[in-house]
Amino acid sequence: MGVASMKHPITGAMYIDQDGSVRVEHKGQTGLFRENGSWIEGELRSADPLMCKWIAGHKFGDTVPFRNQRLQANSGMGRPQGSKESDSK
């Protein structure tokens, strides 16, 4: 599997997965951040926490209980809660 990376749409900074942390490269400076966007080391001291979560977050194939629960909750496939099949005819 390749390394996850993405260019920030506003700042142009590159966000790169680095073994569960995120390396951010911007205008010749770098910084290392946790999944929640908190700083670990480097010249860059701030990063977009949503981008960090997106890049370093759980990957496909991980066992993520909340993801499984969400899929089960959405198994109605677009039908509003409380509606019956006979209501849509």
PDB file of N, CA and C in Angstrom:
ATOM      1  N   MET A   1       0.851  -1.182   0.000  1.00  0.00           N
ATOM      2  CA  MET A   1       0.000   0.000   0.000  1.00  0.00           C
ATOM      3  C   MET A   1       0.884   1.229   0.000  1.00  0.00           C
ATOM      4  N   GLY A   2       0.526   2.234  -0.767  1.00  0.00           N
ATOM      5  CA  GLY A   2       1.306   3.457  -0.862  1.00  0.00           C
ATOM      6  C   GLY A   2       1.139   4.359   0.347  1.00  0.00           C
ATOM      7  N   VAL A   3       1.960   5.374   0.387  1.00  0.00           N
ATOM      8  CA  VAL A   3       1.909   6.351   1.468  1.00  0.00           C
ATOM      9  C   VAL A   3       0.820   7.371   1.138  1.00  0.00           C
ATOM     10  N   ALA A   4      -0.031   7.650   2.127  1.00  0.00           N
ATOM     11  CA  ALA A   4      -1.089   8.636   1.929  1.00  0.00           C
ATOM     12  C   ALA A   4      -0.497  10.037   1.966  1.00  0.00           C
ATOM     13  N   SER A   5      -0.889  10.867   1.024  1.00  0.00           N
ATOM     14  CA  SER A   5      -0.455  12.255   1.018  1.00  0.00           C
ATOM     15  C   SER A   5      -1.511  13.085   0.302  1.00  0.00           C
ATOM     16  N   MET A   6      -1.546  14.370   0.646  1.00  0.00           N
ATOM     17  CA  MET A   6      -2.520  15.257   0.037  1.00  0.00           C
ATOM     18  C   MET A   6      -2.033  16.693   0.151  1.00  0.00           C
ATOM     19  N   LYS A   7      -2.274  17.461  -0.903  1.00  0.00           N
ATOM     20  CA  LYS A   7      -1.934  18.884  -0.907  1.00  0.00           C
ATOM     21  C   LYS A   7      -3.109  19.658  -0.318  1.00  0.00           C
ATOM     22  N   HIS A   8      -2.828  20.535   0.640  1.00  0.00           N
ATOM     23  CA  HIS A   8      -3.881  21.342   1.259  1.00  0.00           C
ATOM     24  C   HIS A   8      -4.471  22.272   0.201  1.00  0.00           C
ATOM     25  N   PRO A   9      -5.792  22.288   0.052  1.00  0.00           N
ATOM     26  CA  PRO A   9      -6.397  23.069  -1.030  1.00  0.00           C
ATOM     27  C   PRO A   9      -6.252  24.589  -0.889  1.00  0.00           C
ATOM     28  N   ILE A  10      -5.998  25.097   0.309  1.00  0.00           N
ATOM     29  CA  ILE A  10      -5.884  26.541   0.505  1.00  0.00           C
ATOM     30  C   ILE A  10      -4.436  26.981   0.635  1.00  0.00           C
ATOM     31  N   THR A  11      -3.668  26.317   1.502  1.00  0.00           N
ATOM     32  CA  THR A  11      -2.294  26.756   1.757  1.00  0.00           C
ATOM     33  C   THR A  11      -1.287  26.179   0.786  1.00  0.00           C
ATOM     34  N   GLY A  12      -1.615  25.040   0.167  1.00  0.00           N
ATOM     35  CA  GLY A  12      -0.673  24.371  -0.724  1.00  0.00           C
ATOM     36  C   GLY A  12       0.331  23.498  -0.001  1.00  0.00           C
ATOM     37  N   ALA A  13       0.245  23.404   1.321  1.00  0.00           N
ATOM     38  CA  ALA A  13       1.155  22.545   2.087  1.00  0.00           C
ATOM     39  C   ALA A  13       0.889  21.077   1.760  1.00  0.00           C
ATOM     40  N   MET A  14       1.949  20.272   1.770  1.00  0.00           N
ATOM     41  CA  MET A  14       1.805  18.829   1.555  1.00  0.00           C
ATOM     42  C   MET A  14       1.700  18.132   2.896  1.00  0.00           C
ATOM     43  N   TYR A  15       0.701  17.284   3.048  1.00  0.00           N
ATOM     44  CA  TYR A  15       0.483  16.476   4.244  1.00  0.00           C
ATOM     45  C   TYR A  15       0.789  15.030   3.869  1.00  0.00           C
ATOM     46  N   ILE A  16       1.752  14.409   4.567  1.00  0.00           N
ATOM     47  CA  ILE A  16       2.249  13.092   4.189  1.00  0.00           C
ATOM     48  C   ILE A  16       2.222  12.182   5.406  1.00  0.00           C
ATOM     49  N   ASP A  17       1.611  10.993   5.251  1.00  0.00           N
ATOM     50  CA  ASP A  17       1.570  10.009   6.336  1.00  0.00           C
ATOM     51  C   ASP A  17       2.976   9.514   6.617  1.00  0.00           C
ATOM     52  N   GLN A  18       3.344   9.493   7.888  1.00  0.00           N
ATOM     53  CA  GLN A  18       4.659   9.012   8.284  1.00  0.00           C
ATOM     54  C   GLN A  18       4.490   8.111   9.503  1.00  0.00           C
ATOM     55  N   ASP A  19       4.170   6.844   9.247  1.00  0.00           N
ATOM     56  CA  ASP A  19       4.006   5.843  10.303  1.00  0.00           C
ATOM     57  C   ASP A  19       3.011   6.277  11.371  1.00  0.00           C
ATOM     58  N   GLY A  20       1.844   6.782  10.958  1.00  0.00           N
ATOM     59  CA  GLY A  20       0.805   7.168  11.895  1.00  0.00           C
ATOM     60  C   GLY A  20       0.853   8.621  12.324  1.00  0.00           C
ATOM     61  N   SER A  21       1.948   9.289  12.055  1.00  0.00           N
ATOM     62  CA  SER A  21       2.046  10.735  12.271  1.00  0.00           C
ATOM     63  C   SER A  21       1.940  11.404  10.902  1.00  0.00           C
ATOM     64  N   VAL A  22       1.934  12.726  10.886  1.00  0.00           N
ATOM     65  CA  VAL A  22       1.813  13.449   9.612  1.00  0.00           C
ATOM     66  C   VAL A  22       2.968  14.427   9.473  1.00  0.00           C
ATOM     67  N   ARG A  23       3.703  14.304   8.376  1.00  0.00           N
ATOM     68  CA  ARG A  23       4.757  15.271   8.056  1.00  0.00           C
ATOM     69  C   ARG A  23       4.143  16.324   7.146  1.00  0.00           C
ATOM     70  N   VAL A  24       4.308  17.583   7.520  1.00  0.00           N
ATOM     71  CA  VAL A  24       3.785  18.686   6.720  1.00  0.00           C
ATOM     72  C   VAL A  24       4.964  19.446   6.146  1.00  0.00           C
ATOM     73  N   GLU A  25       4.934  19.676   4.836  1.00  0.00           N
ATOM     74  CA  GLU A  25       5.988  20.424   4.138  1.00  0.00           C
ATOM     75  C   GLU A  25       5.348  21.645   3.501  1.00  0.00           C
ATOM     76  N   HIS A  26       5.917  22.828   3.826  1.00  0.00           N
ATOM     77  CA  HIS A  26       5.351  24.064   3.291  1.00  0.00           C
ATOM     78  C   HIS A  26       6.432  25.132   3.194  1.00  0.00           C
ATOM     79  N   LYS A  27       6.642  25.639   1.993  1.00  0.00           N
ATOM     80  CA  LYS A  27       7.605  26.711   1.728  1.00  0.00           C
ATOM     81  C   LYS A  27       8.982  26.434   2.328  1.00  0.00           C
ATOM     82  N   GLY A  28       9.477  25.206   2.121  1.00  0.00           N
ATOM     83  CA  GLY A  28      10.813  24.840   2.573  1.00  0.00           C
ATOM     84  C   GLY A  28      10.916  24.466   4.041  1.00  0.00           C
ATOM     85  N   GLN A  29       9.828  24.514   4.770  1.00  0.00           N
ATOM     86  CA  GLN A  29       9.844  24.125   6.185  1.00  0.00           C
ATOM     87  C   GLN A  29       9.054  22.840   6.358  1.00  0.00           C
ATOM     88  N   THR A  30       9.374  22.100   7.417  1.00  0.00           N
ATOM     89  CA  THR A  30       8.658  20.863   7.712  1.00  0.00           C
ATOM     90  C   THR A  30       8.272  20.829   9.184  1.00  0.00           C
ATOM     91  N   GLY A  31       7.304  20.006   9.470  1.00  0.00           N
ATOM     92  CA  GLY A  31       6.884  19.770  10.843  1.00  0.00           C
ATOM     93  C   GLY A  31       6.255  18.398  10.932  1.00  0.00           C
ATOM     94  N   LEU A  32       6.306  17.806  12.097  1.00  0.00           N
ATOM     95  CA  LEU A  32       5.713  16.496  12.336  1.00  0.00           C
ATOM     96  C   LEU A  32       4.593  16.674  13.352  1.00  0.00           C
ATOM     97  N   PHE A  33       3.419  16.096  13.055  1.00  0.00           N
ATOM     98  CA  PHE A  33       2.227  16.302  13.866  1.00  0.00           C
ATOM     99  C   PHE A  33       1.537  14.971  14.147  1.00  0.00           C
ATOM    100  N   ARG A  34       0.802  14.942  15.258  1.00  0.00           N
ATOM    101  CA  ARG A  34      -0.004  13.773  15.602  1.00  0.00           C
ATOM    102  C   ARG A  34      -1.279  13.788  14.761  1.00  0.00           C
ATOM    103  N   GLU A  35      -2.019  12.689  14.833  1.00  0.00           N
ATOM    104  CA  GLU A  35      -3.269  12.550  14.087  1.00  0.00           C
ATOM    105  C   GLU A  35      -4.258  13.670  14.416  1.00  0.00           C
ATOM    106  N   ASN A  36      -4.208  14.195  15.639  1.00  0.00           N
ATOM    107  CA  ASN A  36      -5.132  15.262  16.044  1.00  0.00           C
ATOM    108  C   ASN A  36      -4.615  16.656  15.690  1.00  0.00           C
ATOM    109  N   GLY A  37      -3.460  16.745  15.040  1.00  0.00           N
ATOM    110  CA  GLY A  37      -2.900  18.026  14.616  1.00  0.00           C
ATOM    111  C   GLY A  37      -1.960  18.674  15.614  1.00  0.00           C
ATOM    112  N   SER A  38      -1.716  18.021  16.754  1.00  0.00           N
ATOM    113  CA  SER A  38      -0.796  18.611  17.734  1.00  0.00           C
ATOM    114  C   SER A  38       0.653  18.409  17.282  1.00  0.00           C
ATOM    115  N   TRP A  39       1.478  19.394  17.577  1.00  0.00           N
ATOM    116  CA  TRP A  39       2.858  19.447  17.115  1.00  0.00           C
ATOM    117  C   TRP A  39       3.733  18.437  17.847  1.00  0.00           C
ATOM    118  N   ILE A  40       4.652  17.806  17.108  1.00  0.00           N
ATOM    119  CA  ILE A  40       5.652  16.906  17.695  1.00  0.00           C
ATOM    120  C   ILE A  40       7.025  17.544  17.592  1.00  0.00           C
ATOM    121  N   GLU A  41       7.417  17.918  16.349  1.00  0.00           N
ATOM    122  CA  GLU A  41       8.727  18.530  16.139  1.00  0.00           C
ATOM    123  C   GLU A  41       8.769  19.243  14.796  1.00  0.00           C
ATOM    124  N   GLY A  42       9.796  20.056  14.599  1.00  0.00           N
ATOM    125  CA  GLY A  42      10.018  20.719  13.321  1.00  0.00           C
ATOM    126  C   GLY A  42       9.797  22.218  13.370  1.00  0.00           C
ATOM    127  N   GLU A  43      10.130  22.872  12.233  1.00  0.00           N
ATOM    128  CA  GLU A  43      10.001  24.325  12.146  1.00  0.00           C
ATOM    129  C   GLU A  43       8.536  24.760  12.093  1.00  0.00           C
ATOM    130  N   LEU A  44       7.712  24.011  11.355  1.00  0.00           N
ATOM    131  CA  LEU A  44       6.287  24.329  11.311  1.00  0.00           C
ATOM    132  C   LEU A  44       5.660  23.922  12.640  1.00  0.00           C
ATOM    133  N   ARG A  45       4.936  24.840  13.251  1.00  0.00           N
ATOM    134  CA  ARG A  45       4.375  24.583  14.580  1.00  0.00           C
ATOM    135  C   ARG A  45       2.857  24.401  14.563  1.00  0.00           C
ATOM    136  N   SER A  46       2.218  24.589  13.405  1.00  0.00           N
ATOM    137  CA  SER A  46       0.767  24.402  13.343  1.00  0.00           C
ATOM    138  C   SER A  46       0.397  23.690  12.044  1.00  0.00           C
ATOM    139  N   ALA A  47      -0.689  22.930  12.126  1.00  0.00           N
ATOM    140  CA  ALA A  47      -1.181  22.186  10.968  1.00  0.00           C
ATOM    141  C   ALA A  47      -2.698  22.106  11.054  1.00  0.00           C
ATOM    142  N   ASP A  48      -3.321  21.861   9.936  1.00  0.00           N
ATOM    143  CA  ASP A  48      -4.767  21.706   9.881  1.00  0.00           C
ATOM    144  C   ASP A  48      -5.134  20.361  10.511  1.00  0.00           C
ATOM    145  N   PRO A  49      -5.841  20.356  11.652  1.00  0.00           N
ATOM    146  CA  PRO A  49      -6.152  19.089  12.329  1.00  0.00           C
ATOM    147  C   PRO A  49      -7.038  18.163  11.501  1.00  0.00           C
ATOM    148  N   LEU A  50      -7.897  18.716  10.661  1.00  0.00           N
ATOM    149  CA  LEU A  50      -8.736  17.852   9.828  1.00  0.00           C
ATOM    150  C   LEU A  50      -7.924  17.156   8.749  1.00  0.00           C
ATOM    151  N   MET A  51      -6.950  17.856   8.186  1.00  0.00           N
ATOM    152  CA  MET A  51      -6.061  17.225   7.200  1.00  0.00           C
ATOM    153  C   MET A  51      -5.223  16.134   7.873  1.00  0.00           C
ATOM    154  N   CYS A  52      -4.741  16.411   9.083  1.00  0.00           N
ATOM    155  CA  CYS A  52      -3.951  15.407   9.812  1.00  0.00           C
ATOM    156  C   CYS A  52      -4.782  14.163  10.068  1.00  0.00           C
ATOM    157  N   LYS A  53      -6.020  14.343  10.486  1.00  0.00           N
ATOM    158  CA  LYS A  53      -6.916  13.206  10.735  1.00  0.00           C
ATOM    159  C   LYS A  53      -7.152  12.427   9.444  1.00  0.00           C
ATOM    160  N   TRP A  54      -7.352  13.152   8.355  1.00  0.00           N
ATOM    161  CA  TRP A  54      -7.616  12.509   7.069  1.00  0.00           C
ATOM    162  C   TRP A  54      -6.418  11.664   6.623  1.00  0.00           C
ATOM    163  N   ILE A  55      -5.216  12.202   6.774  1.00  0.00           N
ATOM    164  CA  ILE A  55      -4.010  11.516   6.305  1.00  0.00           C
ATOM    165  C   ILE A  55      -3.579  10.401   7.249  1.00  0.00           C
ATOM    166  N   ALA A  56      -3.569  10.651   8.551  1.00  0.00           N
ATOM    167  CA  ALA A  56      -3.041   9.669   9.505  1.00  0.00           C
ATOM    168  C   ALA A  56      -4.120   8.801  10.128  1.00  0.00           C
ATOM    169  N   GLY A  57      -5.386   9.073   9.804  1.00  0.00           N
ATOM    170  CA  GLY A  57      -6.487   8.329  10.407  1.00  0.00           C
ATOM    171  C   GLY A  57      -6.469   6.864  10.036  1.00  0.00           C
ATOM    172  N   HIS A  58      -7.462   6.146  10.523  1.00  0.00           N
ATOM    173  CA  HIS A  58      -7.553   4.706  10.281  1.00  0.00           C
ATOM    174  C   HIS A  58      -7.630   4.404   8.794  1.00  0.00           C
ATOM    175  N   LYS A  59      -6.909   3.402   8.385  1.00  0.00           N
ATOM    176  CA  LYS A  59      -6.868   2.998   6.985  1.00  0.00           C
ATOM    177  C   LYS A  59      -7.849   1.845   6.752  1.00  0.00           C
ATOM    178  N   PHE A  60      -8.218   1.631   5.508  1.00  0.00           N
ATOM    179  CA  PHE A  60      -9.085   0.510   5.188  1.00  0.00           C
ATOM    180  C   PHE A  60      -8.429  -0.778   5.650  1.00  0.00           C
ATOM    181  N   GLY A  61      -9.234  -1.678   6.191  1.00  0.00           N
ATOM    182  CA  GLY A  61      -8.720  -2.932   6.707  1.00  0.00           C
ATOM    183  C   GLY A  61      -8.500  -2.892   8.205  1.00  0.00           C
ATOM    184  N   ASP A  62      -8.470  -1.697   8.804  1.00  0.00           N
ATOM    185  CA  ASP A  62      -8.356  -1.597  10.260  1.00  0.00           C
ATOM    186  C   ASP A  62      -9.657  -2.053  10.890  1.00  0.00           C
ATOM    187  N   THR A  63      -9.573  -2.543  12.099  1.00  0.00           N
ATOM    188  CA  THR A  63     -10.761  -2.879  12.855  1.00  0.00           C
ATOM    189  C   THR A  63     -11.180  -1.625  13.611  1.00  0.00           C
ATOM    190  N   VAL A  64     -12.230  -1.000  13.138  1.00  0.00           N
ATOM    191  CA  VAL A  64     -12.692   0.250  13.724  1.00  0.00           C
ATOM    192  C   VAL A  64     -14.150   0.058  14.130  1.00  0.00           C
ATOM    193  N   PRO A  65     -14.415  -0.166  15.421  1.00  0.00           N
ATOM    194  CA  PRO A  65     -15.786  -0.456  15.854  1.00  0.00           C
ATOM    195  C   PRO A  65     -16.796   0.609  15.451  1.00  0.00           C
ATOM    196  N   PHE A  66     -16.455   1.900  15.587  1.00  0.00           N
ATOM    197  CA  PHE A  66     -17.434   2.933  15.277  1.00  0.00           C
ATOM    198  C   PHE A  66     -17.811   2.913  13.800  1.00  0.00           C
ATOM    199  N   ARG A  67     -16.861   2.559  12.926  1.00  0.00           N
ATOM    200  CA  ARG A  67     -17.160   2.491  11.498  1.00  0.00           C
ATOM    201  C   ARG A  67     -18.168   1.367  11.235  1.00  0.00           C
ATOM    202  N   ASN A  68     -17.976   0.210  11.881  1.00  0.00           N
ATOM    203  CA  ASN A  68     -18.899  -0.899  11.711  1.00  0.00           C
ATOM    204  C   ASN A  68     -20.291  -0.533  12.220  1.00  0.00           C
ATOM    205  N   GLN A  69     -20.364   0.164  13.350  1.00  0.00           N
ATOM    206  CA  GLN A  69     -21.656   0.576  13.897  1.00  0.00           C
ATOM    207  C   GLN A  69     -22.345   1.553  12.950  1.00  0.00           C
ATOM    208  N   ARG A  70     -21.579   2.472  12.371  1.00  0.00           N
ATOM    209  CA  ARG A  70     -22.162   3.444  11.450  1.00  0.00           C
ATOM    210  C   ARG A  70     -22.735   2.732  10.226  1.00  0.00           C
ATOM    211  N   LEU A  71     -22.026   1.737   9.707  1.00  0.00           N
ATOM    212  CA  LEU A  71     -22.510   1.007   8.548  1.00  0.00           C
ATOM    213  C   LEU A  71     -23.796   0.264   8.871  1.00  0.00           C
ATOM    214  N   GLN A  72     -23.872  -0.318  10.074  1.00  0.00           N
ATOM    215  CA  GLN A  72     -25.085  -1.024  10.472  1.00  0.00           C
ATOM    216  C   GLN A  72     -26.241  -0.054  10.630  1.00  0.00           C
ATOM    217  N   ALA A  73     -25.978   1.125  11.191  1.00  0.00           N
ATOM    218  CA  ALA A  73     -27.028   2.123  11.401  1.00  0.00           C
ATOM    219  C   ALA A  73     -27.562   2.654  10.076  1.00  0.00           C
ATOM    220  N   ASN A  74     -26.737   2.682   9.050  1.00  0.00           N
ATOM    221  CA  ASN A  74     -27.143   3.211   7.749  1.00  0.00           C
ATOM    222  C   ASN A  74     -27.650   2.139   6.801  1.00  0.00           C
ATOM    223  N   SER A  75     -27.934   0.939   7.312  1.00  0.00           N
ATOM    224  CA  SER A  75     -28.339  -0.152   6.433  1.00  0.00           C
ATOM    225  C   SER A  75     -29.732   0.047   5.841  1.00  0.00           C
ATOM    226  N   GLY A  76     -30.480   1.093   6.290  1.00  0.00           N
ATOM    227  CA  GLY A  76     -31.803   1.382   5.738  1.00  0.00           C
ATOM    228  C   GLY A  76     -31.737   1.928   4.324  1.00  0.00           C
ATOM    229  N   MET A  77     -30.556   2.311   3.868  1.00  0.00           N
ATOM    230  CA  MET A  77     -30.312   2.763   2.494  1.00  0.00           C
ATOM    231  C   MET A  77     -31.256   3.874   2.045  1.00  0.00           C
ATOM    232  N   GLY A  78     -31.310   4.955   2.823  1.00  0.00           N
ATOM    233  CA  GLY A  78     -32.020   6.134   2.370  1.00  0.00           C
ATOM    234  C   GLY A  78     -33.461   6.249   2.812  1.00  0.00           C
ATOM    235  N   ARG A  79     -34.031   5.187   3.369  1.00  0.00           N
ATOM    236  CA  ARG A  79     -35.407   5.258   3.826  1.00  0.00           C
ATOM    237  C   ARG A  79     -35.457   5.991   5.155  1.00  0.00           C
ATOM    238  N   PRO A  80     -36.292   7.003   5.327  1.00  0.00           N
ATOM    239  CA  PRO A  80     -36.386   7.712   6.601  1.00  0.00           C
ATOM    240  C   PRO A  80     -36.784   6.779   7.730  1.00  0.00           C
ATOM    241  N   GLN A  81     -36.278   7.050   8.919  1.00  0.00           N
ATOM    242  CA  GLN A  81     -36.621   6.227  10.065  1.00  0.00           C
ATOM    243  C   GLN A  81     -38.118   6.303  10.321  1.00  0.00           C
ATOM    244  N   GLY A  82     -38.703   5.167  10.671  1.00  0.00           N
ATOM    245  CA  GLY A  82     -40.120   5.122  10.979  1.00  0.00           C
ATOM    246  C   GLY A  82     -41.005   4.894   9.764  1.00  0.00           C
ATOM    247  N   SER A  83     -40.448   4.984   8.568  1.00  0.00           N
ATOM    248  CA  SER A  83     -41.269   4.773   7.379  1.00  0.00           C
ATOM    249  C   SER A  83     -41.361   3.284   7.085  1.00  0.00           C
ATOM    250  N   LYS A  84     -42.458   2.890   6.468  1.00  0.00           N
ATOM    251  CA  LYS A  84     -42.669   1.497   6.103  1.00  0.00           C
ATOM    252  C   LYS A  84     -42.608   1.401   4.590  1.00  0.00           C
ATOM    253  N   GLU A  85     -42.309   0.208   4.094  1.00  0.00           N
ATOM    254  CA  GLU A  85     -42.243   0.038   2.656  1.00  0.00           C
ATOM    255  C   GLU A  85     -43.565   0.368   1.999  1.00  0.00           C
ATOM    256  N   SER A  86     -44.664   0.080   2.670  1.00  0.00           N
ATOM    257  CA  SER A  86     -45.975   0.339   2.080  1.00  0.00           C
ATOM    258  C   SER A  86     -46.247   1.835   1.956  1.00  0.00           C
ATOM    259  N   ASP A  87     -45.560   2.679   2.782  1.00  0.00           N
ATOM    260  CA  ASP A  87     -45.733   4.125   2.706  1.00  0.00           C
ATOM    261  C   ASP A  87     -45.203   4.702   1.403  1.00  0.00           C
ATOM    262  N   SER A  88     -44.201   4.050   0.820  1.00  0.00           N
ATOM    263  CA  SER A  88     -43.575   4.593  -0.378  1.00  0.00           C
ATOM    264  C   SER A  88     -44.302   4.223  -1.656  1.00  0.00           C
ATOM    265  N   LYS A  89     -45.373   3.397  -1.578  1.00  0.00           N
ATOM    266  CA  LYS A  89     -46.117   2.988  -2.777  1.00  0.00           C
ATOM    267  C   LYS A  89     -47.230   3.929  -3.080  1.00  0.00           C
TER     268      LYS A  89
END
